[in-house]
C-alpha atoms as a PDB file:
ATOM      1  CA  MET A   1     -38.151 144.447 -77.718  1.00  0.00           C
ATOM      2  CA  GLY A   2     -39.366 147.520 -79.525  1.00  0.00           C
ATOM      3  CA  LYS A   3     -42.901 148.743 -79.946  1.00  0.00           C
ATOM      4  CA  ASP A   4     -44.357 145.227 -79.450  1.00  0.00           C
ATOM      5  CA  PHE A   5     -42.955 145.014 -75.903  1.00  0.00           C
ATOM      6  CA  ASP A   6     -45.698 143.849 -73.546  1.00  0.00           C
ATOM      7  CA  PRO A   7     -44.648 144.279 -69.903  1.00  0.00           C
ATOM      8  CA  THR A   8     -47.063 141.540 -68.816  1.00  0.00           C
ATOM      9  CA  GLU A   9     -45.100 138.999 -70.888  1.00  0.00           C
ATOM     10  CA  TRP A  10     -41.576 139.989 -69.788  1.00  0.00           C
ATOM     11  CA  ILE A  11     -40.069 139.984 -66.302  1.00  0.00           C
ATOM     12  CA  THR A  12     -36.714 140.983 -64.841  1.00  0.00           C
ATOM     13  CA  THR A  13     -34.211 138.512 -63.445  1.00  0.00           C
ATOM     14  CA  LYS A  14     -35.143 139.718 -59.962  1.00  0.00           C
ATOM     15  CA  GLU A  15     -38.848 139.048 -60.576  1.00  0.00           C
ATOM     16  CA  ALA A  16     -38.011 135.618 -62.028  1.00  0.00           C
ATOM     17  CA  ALA A  17     -35.914 134.787 -58.957  1.00  0.00           C
ATOM     18  CA  GLU A  18     -38.699 135.848 -56.596  1.00  0.00           C
ATOM     19  CA  LEU A  19     -41.232 133.842 -58.605  1.00  0.00           C
ATOM     20  CA  THR A  20     -39.218 130.621 -58.791  1.00  0.00           C
ATOM     21  CA  GLY A  21     -36.593 130.526 -56.048  1.00  0.00           C
ATOM     22  CA  TYR A  22     -33.703 130.360 -58.542  1.00  0.00           C
ATOM     23  CA  SER A  23     -31.016 133.057 -58.285  1.00  0.00           C
ATOM     24  CA  THR A  24     -30.792 136.127 -60.493  1.00  0.00           C
ATOM     25  CA  ALA A  25     -27.318 134.961 -61.551  1.00  0.00           C
ATOM     26  CA  ARG A  26     -28.774 131.639 -62.764  1.00  0.00           C
ATOM     27  CA  PHE A  27     -31.326 133.464 -64.896  1.00  0.00           C
ATOM     28  CA  ARG A  28     -28.628 135.703 -66.395  1.00  0.00           C
ATOM     29  CA  GLN A  29     -26.641 132.548 -67.235  1.00  0.00           C
ATOM     30  CA  LEU A  30     -29.691 130.898 -68.832  1.00  0.00           C
ATOM     31  CA  ALA A  31     -30.361 134.048 -70.850  1.00  0.00           C
ATOM     32  CA  ILE A  32     -26.784 134.206 -72.128  1.00  0.00           C
ATOM     33  CA  GLU A  33     -26.842 130.492 -73.027  1.00  0.00           C
ATOM     34  CA  GLY A  34     -30.146 130.916 -74.857  1.00  0.00           C
ATOM     35  CA  ALA A  35     -31.858 128.367 -72.617  1.00  0.00           C
ATOM     36  CA  ILE A  36     -34.725 130.806 -72.044  1.00  0.00           C
ATOM     37  CA  LEU A  37     -36.113 133.544 -74.244  1.00  0.00           C
ATOM     38  CA  ALA A  38     -34.549 136.799 -73.079  1.00  0.00           C
ATOM     39  CA  GLN A  39     -33.537 140.228 -74.281  1.00  0.00           C
ATOM     40  CA  LYS A  40     -31.035 142.632 -72.829  1.00  0.00           C
ATOM     41  CA  ARG A  41     -31.819 146.327 -72.683  1.00  0.00           C
ATOM     42  CA  GLY A  42     -28.983 148.384 -71.326  1.00  0.00           C
ATOM     43  CA  ARG A  43     -27.687 146.538 -68.291  1.00  0.00           C
ATOM     44  CA  ASP A  44     -30.949 144.716 -67.555  1.00  0.00           C
ATOM     45  CA  TRP A  45     -32.169 141.370 -68.807  1.00  0.00           C
ATOM     46  CA  PHE A  46     -35.856 140.902 -69.578  1.00  0.00           C
ATOM     47  CA  LEU A  47     -37.067 137.315 -69.596  1.00  0.00           C
ATOM     48  CA  ASP A  48     -40.119 135.869 -71.269  1.00  0.00           C
ATOM     49  CA  LYS A  49     -42.299 134.808 -68.338  1.00  0.00           C
ATOM     50  CA  ALA A  50     -43.666 131.732 -70.124  1.00  0.00           C
ATOM     51  CA  SER A  51     -40.114 130.638 -70.986  1.00  0.00           C
ATOM     52  CA  VAL A  52     -39.036 130.998 -67.340  1.00  0.00           C
ATOM     53  CA  LEU A  53     -41.998 128.978 -66.106  1.00  0.00           C
ATOM     54  CA  ALA A  54     -41.422 126.293 -68.753  1.00  0.00           C
ATOM     55  CA  TYR A  55     -37.768 125.986 -67.716  1.00  0.00           C
ATOM     56  CA  VAL A  56     -38.674 125.641 -64.037  1.00  0.00           C
ATOM     57  CA  GLU A  57     -41.343 123.045 -64.842  1.00  0.00           C
ATOM     58  CA  GLU A  58     -38.851 121.049 -66.936  1.00  0.00           C
ATOM     59  CA  MET A  59     -36.329 121.073 -64.073  1.00  0.00           C
ATOM     60  CA  ARG A  60     -39.026 119.872 -61.674  1.00  0.00           C
ATOM     61  CA  ARG A  61     -40.042 117.141 -64.099  1.00  0.00           C
ATOM     62  CA  LEU A  62     -36.449 115.942 -64.476  1.00  0.00           C
ATOM     63  CA  GLY A  63     -35.866 115.853 -60.730  1.00  0.00           C
ATOM     64  CA  THR A  64     -32.476 114.402 -59.917  1.00  0.00           C
ATOM     65  CA  ALA A  65     -32.017 113.316 -63.548  1.00  0.00           C
ATOM     66  CA  LYS A  66     -31.140 116.931 -64.367  1.00  0.00           C
ATOM     67  CA  HIS A  67     -27.722 116.204 -62.828  1.00  0.00           C
ATOM     68  CA  SER A  68     -27.120 113.080 -64.907  1.00  0.00           C
ATOM     69  CA  PRO A  69     -23.782 112.995 -66.802  1.00  0.00           C
ATOM     70  CA  LYS A  70     -25.610 111.228 -69.640  1.00  0.00           C
ATOM     71  CA  ARG A  71     -27.993 114.168 -69.974  1.00  0.00           C
ATOM     72  CA  ALA A  72     -25.034 116.567 -70.135  1.00  0.00           C
ATOM     73  CA  ARG A  73     -23.484 114.550 -72.980  1.00  0.00           C
ATOM     74  CA  GLU A  74     -26.795 114.548 -74.869  1.00  0.00           C
ATOM     75  CA  ARG A  75     -27.024 118.340 -74.628  1.00  0.00           C
ATOM     76  CA  LYS A  76     -23.475 118.748 -76.011  1.00  0.00           C
ATOM     77  CA  ALA A  77     -24.388 116.589 -78.993  1.00  0.00           C
ATOM     78  CA  ASP A  78     -27.158 119.033 -80.005  1.00  0.00           C
END
């Protein structure tokens, strides 16, 4: 996130939480896991806004299936 950093494309975990209703802790976890595009600068995480919105849309699309044990096994196989 050097000279090509565009503040309109990156948001903080707090902004992501306000935008989506998920917690800041959940977004930190997703960033660490690599589930969303994120970069850490100092103590703060910056999240790619499009990646955050895509994650939220995928969770909405999955509905209750996101809690399926079968889905968890499929992710571990990757």
